[in-house]
């Protein structure tokens, strides 16, 4: 599942990167200057979300293994597994929306 999440982030980032290169020509505006550390385009946000989800899934697995070995408390295991579950549900919801949007675009008349 984790390679699929990473692949989703890279595919979305690549596709949106190619779209962002033609966006100023379409809108007639230049790229906005943003100096904060926050991502500036949808591809970066999607890549960040998938990266965070992968990290939480790995942390949940590591904490669960530590719990089985007796090195982590039940509360820590439950918290990390629930965090991983929430991240996975978020990524699945985003994936569903991306697929739905792609299907809508593919149905448009040219």
PDB file of N, CA and C in Angstrom:
ATOM      1  N   UNK A   1       0.828  -1.189   0.000  1.00  0.00           N
ATOM      2  CA  UNK A   1       0.000   0.000   0.000  1.00  0.00           C
ATOM      3  C   UNK A   1       0.874   1.255   0.000  1.00  0.00           C
ATOM      4  N   UNK A   2       1.989   1.219   0.721  1.00  0.00           N
ATOM      5  CA  UNK A   2       2.842   2.403   0.814  1.00  0.00           C
ATOM      6  C   UNK A   2       3.439   2.769  -0.541  1.00  0.00           C
ATOM      7  N   UNK A   3       3.925   1.818  -1.352  1.00  0.00           N
ATOM      8  CA  UNK A   3       4.391   2.211  -2.684  1.00  0.00           C
ATOM      9  C   UNK A   3       3.291   2.851  -3.527  1.00  0.00           C
ATOM     10  N   UNK A   4       2.059   2.404  -3.355  1.00  0.00           N
ATOM     11  CA  UNK A   4       0.953   3.002  -4.103  1.00  0.00           C
ATOM     12  C   UNK A   4       0.733   4.440  -3.675  1.00  0.00           C
ATOM     13  N   UNK A   5       0.880   4.728  -2.377  1.00  0.00           N
ATOM     14  CA  UNK A   5       0.728   6.102  -1.890  1.00  0.00           C
ATOM     15  C   UNK A   5       1.829   6.993  -2.450  1.00  0.00           C
ATOM     16  N   UNK A   6       3.037   6.489  -2.454  1.00  0.00           N
ATOM     17  CA  UNK A   6       4.148   7.258  -2.996  1.00  0.00           C
ATOM     18  C   UNK A   6       3.950   7.508  -4.479  1.00  0.00           C
ATOM     19  N   UNK A   7       3.482   6.496  -5.192  1.00  0.00           N
ATOM     20  CA  UNK A   7       3.233   6.639  -6.620  1.00  0.00           C
ATOM     21  C   UNK A   7       2.152   7.674  -6.881  1.00  0.00           C
ATOM     22  N   UNK A   8       1.090   7.683  -6.066  1.00  0.00           N
ATOM     23  CA  UNK A   8       0.011   8.665  -6.221  1.00  0.00           C
ATOM     24  C   UNK A   8       0.552  10.083  -6.074  1.00  0.00           C
ATOM     25  N   UNK A   9       1.415  10.288  -5.090  1.00  0.00           N
ATOM     26  CA  UNK A   9       1.984  11.618  -4.886  1.00  0.00           C
ATOM     27  C   UNK A   9       2.862  12.061  -6.036  1.00  0.00           C
ATOM     28  N   UNK A  10       3.683  11.154  -6.565  1.00  0.00           N
ATOM     29  CA  UNK A  10       4.580  11.542  -7.654  1.00  0.00           C
ATOM     30  C   UNK A  10       3.826  11.767  -8.956  1.00  0.00           C
ATOM     31  N   UNK A  11       2.815  10.933  -9.214  1.00  0.00           N
ATOM     32  CA  UNK A  11       2.030  11.116 -10.441  1.00  0.00           C
ATOM     33  C   UNK A  11       1.288  12.444 -10.404  1.00  0.00           C
ATOM     34  N   UNK A  12       0.667  12.745  -9.275  1.00  0.00           N
ATOM     35  CA  UNK A  12      -0.070  14.002  -9.155  1.00  0.00           C
ATOM     36  C   UNK A  12       0.872  15.191  -9.239  1.00  0.00           C
ATOM     37  N   UNK A  13       2.030  15.086  -8.616  1.00  0.00           N
ATOM     38  CA  UNK A  13       2.997  16.176  -8.659  1.00  0.00           C
ATOM     39  C   UNK A  13       3.499  16.416 -10.079  1.00  0.00           C
ATOM     40  N   UNK A  14       3.793  15.339 -10.815  1.00  0.00           N
ATOM     41  CA  UNK A  14       4.258  15.476 -12.197  1.00  0.00           C
ATOM     42  C   UNK A  14       3.176  16.081 -13.089  1.00  0.00           C
ATOM     43  N   UNK A  15       1.957  15.596 -12.949  1.00  0.00           N
ATOM     44  CA  UNK A  15       0.864  16.094 -13.788  1.00  0.00           C
ATOM     45  C   UNK A  15       0.588  17.561 -13.500  1.00  0.00           C
ATOM     46  N   UNK A  16       0.569  17.920 -12.250  1.00  0.00           N
ATOM     47  CA  UNK A  16       0.283  19.307 -11.905  1.00  0.00           C
ATOM     48  C   UNK A  16       1.467  20.220 -12.206  1.00  0.00           C
ATOM     49  N   UNK A  17       2.667  19.649 -12.179  1.00  0.00           N
ATOM     50  CA  UNK A  17       3.829  20.439 -12.558  1.00  0.00           C
ATOM     51  C   UNK A  17       3.773  20.842 -14.024  1.00  0.00           C
ATOM     52  N   UNK A  18       3.322  19.924 -14.868  1.00  0.00           N
ATOM     53  CA  UNK A  18       3.202  20.258 -16.292  1.00  0.00           C
ATOM     54  C   UNK A  18       2.074  21.250 -16.525  1.00  0.00           C
ATOM     55  N   UNK A  19       0.998  21.151 -15.749  1.00  0.00           N
ATOM     56  CA  UNK A  19      -0.086  22.116 -15.881  1.00  0.00           C
ATOM     57  C   UNK A  19       0.317  23.497 -15.379  1.00  0.00           C
ATOM     58  N   UNK A  20       1.116  23.548 -14.320  1.00  0.00           N
ATOM     59  CA  UNK A  20       1.497  24.847 -13.767  1.00  0.00           C
ATOM     60  C   UNK A  20       2.426  25.612 -14.710  1.00  0.00           C
ATOM     61  N   UNK A  21       3.123  24.889 -15.588  1.00  0.00           N
ATOM     62  CA  UNK A  21       4.001  25.587 -16.529  1.00  0.00           C
ATOM     63  C   UNK A  21       3.213  26.319 -17.607  1.00  0.00           C
ATOM     64  N   UNK A  22       1.988  25.839 -17.911  1.00  0.00           N
ATOM     65  CA  UNK A  22       1.195  26.527 -18.926  1.00  0.00           C
ATOM     66  C   UNK A  22       0.140  27.436 -18.309  1.00  0.00           C
ATOM     67  N   UNK A  23      -0.071  27.367 -17.011  1.00  0.00           N
ATOM     68  CA  UNK A  23      -1.108  28.177 -16.358  1.00  0.00           C
ATOM     69  C   UNK A  23      -0.880  29.677 -16.512  1.00  0.00           C
ATOM     70  N   UNK A  24       0.347  30.217 -16.356  1.00  0.00           N
ATOM     71  CA  UNK A  24       0.510  31.657 -16.553  1.00  0.00           C
ATOM     72  C   UNK A  24       0.162  32.111 -17.969  1.00  0.00           C
ATOM     73  N   UNK A  25       0.419  31.253 -18.956  1.00  0.00           N
ATOM     74  CA  UNK A  25       0.089  31.631 -20.328  1.00  0.00           C
ATOM     75  C   UNK A  25      -1.422  31.688 -20.530  1.00  0.00           C
ATOM     76  N   UNK A  26      -2.141  30.816 -19.849  1.00  0.00           N
ATOM     77  CA  UNK A  26      -3.591  30.784 -19.994  1.00  0.00           C
ATOM     78  C   UNK A  26      -4.234  31.956 -19.267  1.00  0.00           C
ATOM     79  N   UNK A  27      -3.798  32.193 -18.026  1.00  0.00           N
ATOM     80  CA  UNK A  27      -4.423  33.237 -17.216  1.00  0.00           C
ATOM     81  C   UNK A  27      -3.838  34.611 -17.489  1.00  0.00           C
ATOM     82  N   UNK A  28      -2.660  34.652 -18.066  1.00  0.00           N
ATOM     83  CA  UNK A  28      -2.030  35.930 -18.344  1.00  0.00           C
ATOM     84  C   UNK A  28      -1.348  36.530 -17.124  1.00  0.00           C
ATOM     85  N   UNK A  29      -1.182  35.747 -16.084  1.00  0.00           N
ATOM     86  CA  UNK A  29      -0.557  36.243 -14.863  1.00  0.00           C
ATOM     87  C   UNK A  29       0.697  35.437 -14.577  1.00  0.00           C
ATOM     88  N   UNK A  30       1.595  36.042 -13.837  1.00  0.00           N
ATOM     89  CA  UNK A  30       2.798  35.349 -13.417  1.00  0.00           C
ATOM     90  C   UNK A  30       2.521  34.552 -12.166  1.00  0.00           C
ATOM     91  N   UNK A  31       3.472  33.751 -11.746  1.00  0.00           N
ATOM     92  CA  UNK A  31       3.304  32.956 -10.539  1.00  0.00           C
ATOM     93  C   UNK A  31       3.374  33.867  -9.319  1.00  0.00           C
ATOM     94  N   UNK A  32       2.515  33.669  -8.337  1.00  0.00           N
ATOM     95  CA  UNK A  32       2.544  34.503  -7.153  1.00  0.00           C
ATOM     96  C   UNK A  32       3.798  34.240  -6.339  1.00  0.00           C
ATOM     97  N   UNK A  33       4.306  35.292  -5.735  1.00  0.00           N
ATOM     98  CA  UNK A  33       5.497  35.172  -4.912  1.00  0.00           C
ATOM     99  C   UNK A  33       5.071  34.881  -3.480  1.00  0.00           C
ATOM    100  N   UNK A  34       5.421  33.686  -3.002  1.00  0.00           N
ATOM    101  CA  UNK A  34       5.081  33.292  -1.643  1.00  0.00           C
ATOM    102  C   UNK A  34       6.382  32.961  -0.938  1.00  0.00           C
ATOM    103  N   UNK A  35       6.603  33.586   0.214  1.00  0.00           N
ATOM    104  CA  UNK A  35       7.867  33.389   0.899  1.00  0.00           C
ATOM    105  C   UNK A  35       7.760  32.428   2.068  1.00  0.00           C
ATOM    106  N   UNK A  36       6.557  31.957   2.407  1.00  0.00           N
ATOM    107  CA  UNK A  36       6.417  31.043   3.531  1.00  0.00           C
ATOM    108  C   UNK A  36       6.874  29.642   3.130  1.00  0.00           C
ATOM    109  N   UNK A  37       7.025  28.755   4.123  1.00  0.00           N
ATOM    110  CA  UNK A  37       7.469  27.403   3.879  1.00  0.00           C
ATOM    111  C   UNK A  37       6.352  26.486   3.421  1.00  0.00           C
ATOM    112  N   UNK A  38       5.141  27.002   3.314  1.00  0.00           N
ATOM    113  CA  UNK A  38       4.006  26.179   2.910  1.00  0.00           C
ATOM    114  C   UNK A  38       4.068  25.888   1.411  1.00  0.00           C
ATOM    115  N   UNK A  39       3.560  24.730   1.000  1.00  0.00           N
ATOM    116  CA  UNK A  39       3.532  24.413  -0.434  1.00  0.00           C
ATOM    117  C   UNK A  39       2.684  25.430  -1.195  1.00  0.00           C
ATOM    118  N   UNK A  40       3.088  25.721  -2.429  1.00  0.00           N
ATOM    119  CA  UNK A  40       2.406  26.754  -3.189  1.00  0.00           C
ATOM    120  C   UNK A  40       1.464  26.211  -4.253  1.00  0.00           C
ATOM    121  N   UNK A  41       1.561  24.948  -4.580  1.00  0.00           N
ATOM    122  CA  UNK A  41       0.669  24.399  -5.601  1.00  0.00           C
ATOM    123  C   UNK A  41       0.067  23.078  -5.120  1.00  0.00           C
ATOM    124  N   UNK A  42      -0.950  22.637  -5.825  1.00  0.00           N
ATOM    125  CA  UNK A  42      -1.678  21.447  -5.424  1.00  0.00           C
ATOM    126  C   UNK A  42      -0.802  20.209  -5.447  1.00  0.00           C
ATOM    127  N   UNK A  43       0.093  20.115  -6.403  1.00  0.00           N
ATOM    128  CA  UNK A  43       0.986  18.962  -6.488  1.00  0.00           C
ATOM    129  C   UNK A  43       1.879  18.845  -5.264  1.00  0.00           C
ATOM    130  N   UNK A  44       2.389  19.976  -4.793  1.00  0.00           N
ATOM    131  CA  UNK A  44       3.229  19.965  -3.594  1.00  0.00           C
ATOM    132  C   UNK A  44       2.433  19.576  -2.358  1.00  0.00           C
ATOM    133  N   UNK A  45       1.208  20.086  -2.276  1.00  0.00           N
ATOM    134  CA  UNK A  45       0.352  19.738  -1.144  1.00  0.00           C
ATOM    135  C   UNK A  45       0.038  18.248  -1.163  1.00  0.00           C
ATOM    136  N   UNK A  46      -0.290  17.717  -2.322  1.00  0.00           N
ATOM    137  CA  UNK A  46      -0.604  16.300  -2.442  1.00  0.00           C
ATOM    138  C   UNK A  46       0.614  15.433  -2.121  1.00  0.00           C
ATOM    139  N   UNK A  47       1.774  15.836  -2.583  1.00  0.00           N
ATOM    140  CA  UNK A  47       2.995  15.103  -2.272  1.00  0.00           C
ATOM    141  C   UNK A  47       3.287  15.139  -0.774  1.00  0.00           C
ATOM    142  N   UNK A  48       3.035  16.283  -0.142  1.00  0.00           N
ATOM    143  CA  UNK A  48       3.255  16.407   1.294  1.00  0.00           C
ATOM    144  C   UNK A  48       2.271  15.535   2.076  1.00  0.00           C
ATOM    145  N   UNK A  49       1.012  15.515   1.663  1.00  0.00           N
ATOM    146  CA  UNK A  49       0.003  14.705   2.340  1.00  0.00           C
ATOM    147  C   UNK A  49       0.342  13.221   2.220  1.00  0.00           C
ATOM    148  N   UNK A  50       0.736  12.771   1.040  1.00  0.00           N
ATOM    149  CA  UNK A  50       1.072  11.358   0.878  1.00  0.00           C
ATOM    150  C   UNK A  50       2.338  11.002   1.650  1.00  0.00           C
ATOM    151  N   UNK A  51       3.297  11.915   1.683  1.00  0.00           N
ATOM    152  CA  UNK A  51       4.507  11.676   2.466  1.00  0.00           C
ATOM    153  C   UNK A  51       4.205  11.569   3.949  1.00  0.00           C
ATOM    154  N   UNK A  52       3.347  12.460   4.450  1.00  0.00           N
ATOM    155  CA  UNK A  52       2.946  12.402   5.858  1.00  0.00           C
ATOM    156  C   UNK A  52       2.192  11.111   6.156  1.00  0.00           C
ATOM    157  N   UNK A  53       1.344  10.675   5.234  1.00  0.00           N
ATOM    158  CA  UNK A  53       0.589   9.437   5.434  1.00  0.00           C
ATOM    159  C   UNK A  53       1.528   8.240   5.498  1.00  0.00           C
ATOM    160  N   UNK A  54       2.507   8.205   4.622  1.00  0.00           N
ATOM    161  CA  UNK A  54       3.476   7.111   4.633  1.00  0.00           C
ATOM    162  C   UNK A  54       4.236   7.101   5.949  1.00  0.00           C
ATOM    163  N   UNK A  55       4.653   8.280   6.415  1.00  0.00           N
ATOM    164  CA  UNK A  55       5.380   8.365   7.683  1.00  0.00           C
ATOM    165  C   UNK A  55       4.522   7.883   8.850  1.00  0.00           C
ATOM    166  N   UNK A  56       3.245   8.267   8.871  1.00  0.00           N
ATOM    167  CA  UNK A  56       2.359   7.840   9.960  1.00  0.00           C
ATOM    168  C   UNK A  56       2.098   6.341   9.908  1.00  0.00           C
ATOM    169  N   UNK A  57       1.962   5.784   8.691  1.00  0.00           N
ATOM    170  CA  UNK A  57       1.768   4.338   8.573  1.00  0.00           C
ATOM    171  C   UNK A  57       2.997   3.577   9.071  1.00  0.00           C
ATOM    172  N   UNK A  58       4.176   4.058   8.720  1.00  0.00           N
ATOM    173  CA  UNK A  58       5.403   3.414   9.193  1.00  0.00           C
ATOM    174  C   UNK A  58       5.541   3.523  10.704  1.00  0.00           C
ATOM    175  N   UNK A  59       5.191   4.707  11.256  1.00  0.00           N
ATOM    176  CA  UNK A  59       5.268   4.892  12.703  1.00  0.00           C
ATOM    177  C   UNK A  59       4.262   3.992  13.415  1.00  0.00           C
ATOM    178  N   UNK A  60       3.078   3.845  12.852  1.00  0.00           N
ATOM    179  CA  UNK A  60       2.075   2.962  13.439  1.00  0.00           C
ATOM    180  C   UNK A  60       2.529   1.522  13.453  1.00  0.00           C
ATOM    181  N   UNK A  61       3.134   1.086  12.346  1.00  0.00           N
ATOM    182  CA  UNK A  61       3.638  -0.281  12.286  1.00  0.00           C
ATOM    183  C   UNK A  61       4.768  -0.494  13.295  1.00  0.00           C
ATOM    184  N   UNK A  62       5.670   0.476  13.396  1.00  0.00           N
ATOM    185  CA  UNK A  62       6.790   0.355  14.328  1.00  0.00           C
ATOM    186  C   UNK A  62       6.300   0.329  15.775  1.00  0.00           C
ATOM    187  N   UNK A  63       5.328   1.166  16.086  1.00  0.00           N
ATOM    188  CA  UNK A  63       4.794   1.192  17.443  1.00  0.00           C
ATOM    189  C   UNK A  63       4.046  -0.103  17.752  1.00  0.00           C
ATOM    190  N   UNK A  64       3.309  -0.635  16.779  1.00  0.00           N
ATOM    191  CA  UNK A  64       2.609  -1.904  16.989  1.00  0.00           C
ATOM    192  C   UNK A  64       3.596  -3.036  17.247  1.00  0.00           C
ATOM    193  N   UNK A  65       4.678  -3.057  16.508  1.00  0.00           N
ATOM    194  CA  UNK A  65       5.706  -4.084  16.722  1.00  0.00           C
ATOM    195  C   UNK A  65       6.335  -3.909  18.097  1.00  0.00           C
ATOM    196  N   UNK A  66       6.603  -2.662  18.490  1.00  0.00           N
ATOM    197  CA  UNK A  66       7.157  -2.401  19.822  1.00  0.00           C
ATOM    198  C   UNK A  66       6.184  -2.835  20.909  1.00  0.00           C
ATOM    199  N   UNK A  67       4.896  -2.636  20.660  1.00  0.00           N
ATOM    200  CA  UNK A  67       3.885  -3.065  21.626  1.00  0.00           C
ATOM    201  C   UNK A  67       3.855  -4.576  21.771  1.00  0.00           C
ATOM    202  N   UNK A  68       4.004  -5.293  20.655  1.00  0.00           N
ATOM    203  CA  UNK A  68       4.040  -6.752  20.717  1.00  0.00           C
ATOM    204  C   UNK A  68       5.265  -7.255  21.458  1.00  0.00           C
ATOM    205  N   UNK A  69       6.352  -6.505  21.365  1.00  0.00           N
ATOM    206  CA  UNK A  69       7.582  -6.887  22.052  1.00  0.00           C
ATOM    207  C   UNK A  69       7.601  -6.406  23.497  1.00  0.00           C
ATOM    208  N   UNK A  70       6.577  -5.659  23.900  1.00  0.00           N
ATOM    209  CA  UNK A  70       6.484  -5.204  25.283  1.00  0.00           C
ATOM    210  C   UNK A  70       7.235  -3.902  25.564  1.00  0.00           C
ATOM    211  N   UNK A  71       7.650  -3.187  24.528  1.00  0.00           N
ATOM    212  CA  UNK A  71       8.399  -1.948  24.716  1.00  0.00           C
ATOM    213  C   UNK A  71       7.543  -0.701  24.586  1.00  0.00           C
ATOM    214  N   UNK A  72       6.276  -0.846  24.234  1.00  0.00           N
ATOM    215  CA  UNK A  72       5.381   0.305  24.103  1.00  0.00           C
ATOM    216  C   UNK A  72       4.073  -0.017  24.826  1.00  0.00           C
ATOM    217  N   UNK A  73       3.462   1.029  25.389  1.00  0.00           N
ATOM    218  CA  UNK A  73       2.210   0.828  26.116  1.00  0.00           C
ATOM    219  C   UNK A  73       1.047   0.640  25.142  1.00  0.00           C
ATOM    220  N   UNK A  74      -0.036   0.123  25.669  1.00  0.00           N
ATOM    221  CA  UNK A  74      -1.226  -0.096  24.860  1.00  0.00           C
ATOM    222  C   UNK A  74      -1.773   1.236  24.352  1.00  0.00           C
ATOM    223  N   UNK A  75      -1.692   2.270  25.176  1.00  0.00           N
ATOM    224  CA  UNK A  75      -2.184   3.586  24.771  1.00  0.00           C
ATOM    225  C   UNK A  75      -1.376   4.137  23.597  1.00  0.00           C
ATOM    226  N   UNK A  76      -0.057   3.965  23.649  1.00  0.00           N
ATOM    227  CA  UNK A  76       0.788   4.440  22.541  1.00  0.00           C
ATOM    228  C   UNK A  76       0.479   3.694  21.246  1.00  0.00           C
ATOM    229  N   UNK A  77       0.285   2.390  21.373  1.00  0.00           N
ATOM    230  CA  UNK A  77      -0.032   1.582  20.198  1.00  0.00           C
ATOM    231  C   UNK A  77      -1.375   2.009  19.609  1.00  0.00           C
ATOM    232  N   UNK A  78      -2.375   2.160  20.479  1.00  0.00           N
ATOM    233  CA  UNK A  78      -3.704   2.550  20.002  1.00  0.00           C
ATOM    234  C   UNK A  78      -3.673   3.914  19.347  1.00  0.00           C
ATOM    235  N   UNK A  79      -2.961   4.878  19.939  1.00  0.00           N
ATOM    236  CA  UNK A  79      -2.879   6.231  19.378  1.00  0.00           C
ATOM    237  C   UNK A  79      -2.198   6.222  18.012  1.00  0.00           C
ATOM    238  N   UNK A  80      -1.082   5.534  17.892  1.00  0.00           N
ATOM    239  CA  UNK A  80      -0.360   5.537  16.614  1.00  0.00           C
ATOM    240  C   UNK A  80      -1.127   4.779  15.534  1.00  0.00           C
ATOM    241  N   UNK A  81      -1.813   3.699  15.907  1.00  0.00           N
ATOM    242  CA  UNK A  81      -2.592   2.953  14.918  1.00  0.00           C
ATOM    243  C   UNK A  81      -3.788   3.785  14.461  1.00  0.00           C
ATOM    244  N   UNK A  82      -4.438   4.501  15.376  1.00  0.00           N
ATOM    245  CA  UNK A  82      -5.557   5.355  14.990  1.00  0.00           C
ATOM    246  C   UNK A  82      -5.099   6.523  14.119  1.00  0.00           C
ATOM    247  N   UNK A  83      -3.916   7.081  14.409  1.00  0.00           N
ATOM    248  CA  UNK A  83      -3.361   8.137  13.549  1.00  0.00           C
ATOM    249  C   UNK A  83      -3.095   7.602  12.144  1.00  0.00           C
ATOM    250  N   UNK A  84      -2.534   6.408  12.076  1.00  0.00           N
ATOM    251  CA  UNK A  84      -2.261   5.798  10.771  1.00  0.00           C
ATOM    252  C   UNK A  84      -3.556   5.514  10.025  1.00  0.00           C
ATOM    253  N   UNK A  85      -4.575   5.052  10.747  1.00  0.00           N
ATOM    254  CA  UNK A  85      -5.866   4.771  10.116  1.00  0.00           C
ATOM    255  C   UNK A  85      -6.491   6.051   9.568  1.00  0.00           C
ATOM    256  N   UNK A  86      -6.410   7.134  10.331  1.00  0.00           N
ATOM    257  CA  UNK A  86      -6.976   8.406   9.871  1.00  0.00           C
ATOM    258  C   UNK A  86      -6.232   8.912   8.633  1.00  0.00           C
ATOM    259  N   UNK A  87      -4.924   8.788   8.618  1.00  0.00           N
ATOM    260  CA  UNK A  87      -4.137   9.204   7.459  1.00  0.00           C
ATOM    261  C   UNK A  87      -4.482   8.374   6.236  1.00  0.00           C
ATOM    262  N   UNK A  88      -4.641   7.078   6.422  1.00  0.00           N
ATOM    263  CA  UNK A  88      -4.991   6.209   5.304  1.00  0.00           C
ATOM    264  C   UNK A  88      -6.376   6.544   4.761  1.00  0.00           C
ATOM    265  N   UNK A  89      -7.326   6.825   5.637  1.00  0.00           N
ATOM    266  CA  UNK A  89      -8.664   7.202   5.190  1.00  0.00           C
ATOM    267  C   UNK A  89      -8.629   8.519   4.420  1.00  0.00           C
ATOM    268  N   UNK A  90      -7.790   9.453   4.856  1.00  0.00           N
ATOM    269  CA  UNK A  90      -7.648  10.728   4.153  1.00  0.00           C
ATOM    270  C   UNK A  90      -7.092  10.511   2.752  1.00  0.00           C
ATOM    271  N   UNK A  91      -6.059   9.691   2.637  1.00  0.00           N
ATOM    272  CA  UNK A  91      -5.442   9.430   1.335  1.00  0.00           C
ATOM    273  C   UNK A  91      -6.422   8.705   0.417  1.00  0.00           C
ATOM    274  N   UNK A  92      -7.186   7.770   0.953  1.00  0.00           N
ATOM    275  CA  UNK A  92      -8.169   7.054   0.137  1.00  0.00           C
ATOM    276  C   UNK A  92      -9.251   8.016  -0.355  1.00  0.00           C
ATOM    277  N   UNK A  93      -9.685   8.937   0.504  1.00  0.00           N
ATOM    278  CA  UNK A  93     -10.689   9.924   0.093  1.00  0.00           C
ATOM    279  C   UNK A  93     -10.144  10.831  -0.997  1.00  0.00           C
ATOM    280  N   UNK A  94      -8.886  11.252  -0.866  1.00  0.00           N
ATOM    281  CA  UNK A  94      -8.258  12.090  -1.894  1.00  0.00           C
ATOM    282  C   UNK A  94      -8.141  11.312  -3.198  1.00  0.00           C
ATOM    283  N   UNK A  95      -7.729  10.056  -3.105  1.00  0.00           N
ATOM    284  CA  UNK A  95      -7.629   9.224  -4.305  1.00  0.00           C
ATOM    285  C   UNK A  95      -8.969   9.104  -5.007  1.00  0.00           C
ATOM    286  N   UNK A  96     -10.022   8.879  -4.232  1.00  0.00           N
ATOM    287  CA  UNK A  96     -11.355   8.761  -4.816  1.00  0.00           C
ATOM    288  C   UNK A  96     -11.768  10.042  -5.528  1.00  0.00           C
ATOM    289  N   UNK A  97     -11.457  11.186  -4.939  1.00  0.00           N
ATOM    290  CA  UNK A  97     -11.796  12.468  -5.571  1.00  0.00           C
ATOM    291  C   UNK A  97     -10.987  12.691  -6.839  1.00  0.00           C
ATOM    292  N   UNK A  98      -9.714  12.306  -6.832  1.00  0.00           N
ATOM    293  CA  UNK A  98      -8.875  12.461  -8.026  1.00  0.00           C
ATOM    294  C   UNK A  98      -9.400  11.576  -9.153  1.00  0.00           C
ATOM    295  N   UNK A  99      -9.755  10.347  -8.833  1.00  0.00           N
ATOM    296  CA  UNK A  99     -10.300   9.436  -9.854  1.00  0.00           C
ATOM    297  C   UNK A  99     -11.622   9.976 -10.387  1.00  0.00           C
ATOM    298  N   UNK A 100     -12.464  10.473  -9.500  1.00  0.00           N
ATOM    299  CA  UNK A 100     -13.748  11.032  -9.911  1.00  0.00           C
ATOM    300  C   UNK A 100     -13.545  12.245 -10.821  1.00  0.00           C
ATOM    301  N   UNK A 101     -12.608  13.118 -10.464  1.00  0.00           N
ATOM    302  CA  UNK A 101     -12.332  14.291 -11.290  1.00  0.00           C
ATOM    303  C   UNK A 101     -11.793  13.879 -12.654  1.00  0.00           C
ATOM    304  N   UNK A 102     -10.929  12.879 -12.686  1.00  0.00           N
ATOM    305  CA  UNK A 102     -10.397  12.395 -13.958  1.00  0.00           C
ATOM    306  C   UNK A 102     -11.522  11.849 -14.837  1.00  0.00           C
ATOM    307  N   UNK A 103     -12.433  11.099 -14.229  1.00  0.00           N
ATOM    308  CA  UNK A 103     -13.545  10.550 -14.994  1.00  0.00           C
ATOM    309  C   UNK A 103     -14.443  11.651 -15.537  1.00  0.00           C
ATOM    310  N   UNK A 104     -14.662  12.696 -14.762  1.00  0.00           N
ATOM    311  CA  UNK A 104     -15.482  13.821 -15.231  1.00  0.00           C
ATOM    312  C   UNK A 104     -14.807  14.526 -16.406  1.00  0.00           C
ATOM    313  N   UNK A 105     -13.507  14.730 -16.314  1.00  0.00           N
ATOM    314  CA  UNK A 105     -12.774  15.388 -17.395  1.00  0.00           C
ATOM    315  C   UNK A 105     -12.779  14.515 -18.645  1.00  0.00           C
ATOM    316  N   UNK A 106     -12.652  13.204 -18.467  1.00  0.00           N
ATOM    317  CA  UNK A 106     -12.622  12.316 -19.642  1.00  0.00           C
ATOM    318  C   UNK A 106     -13.995  12.252 -20.324  1.00  0.00           C
ATOM    319  N   UNK A 107     -15.068  12.560 -19.627  1.00  0.00           N
ATOM    320  CA  UNK A 107     -16.397  12.557 -20.225  1.00  0.00           C
ATOM    321  C   UNK A 107     -16.744  13.859 -20.935  1.00  0.00           C
ATOM    322  N   UNK A 108     -15.918  14.879 -20.768  1.00  0.00           N
ATOM    323  CA  UNK A 108     -16.219  16.176 -21.397  1.00  0.00           C
ATOM    324  C   UNK A 108     -16.128  16.079 -22.907  1.00  0.00           C
ATOM    325  N   UNK A 109     -17.004  16.788 -23.570  1.00  0.00           N
ATOM    326  CA  UNK A 109     -16.968  16.838 -25.030  1.00  0.00           C
ATOM    327  C   UNK A 109     -15.883  17.812 -25.471  1.00  0.00           C
ATOM    328  N   UNK A 110     -15.200  17.448 -26.494  1.00  0.00           N
ATOM    329  CA  UNK A 110     -14.113  18.312 -26.985  1.00  0.00           C
ATOM    330  C   UNK A 110     -14.628  19.216 -28.063  1.00  0.00           C
TER     331      UNK A 110
END
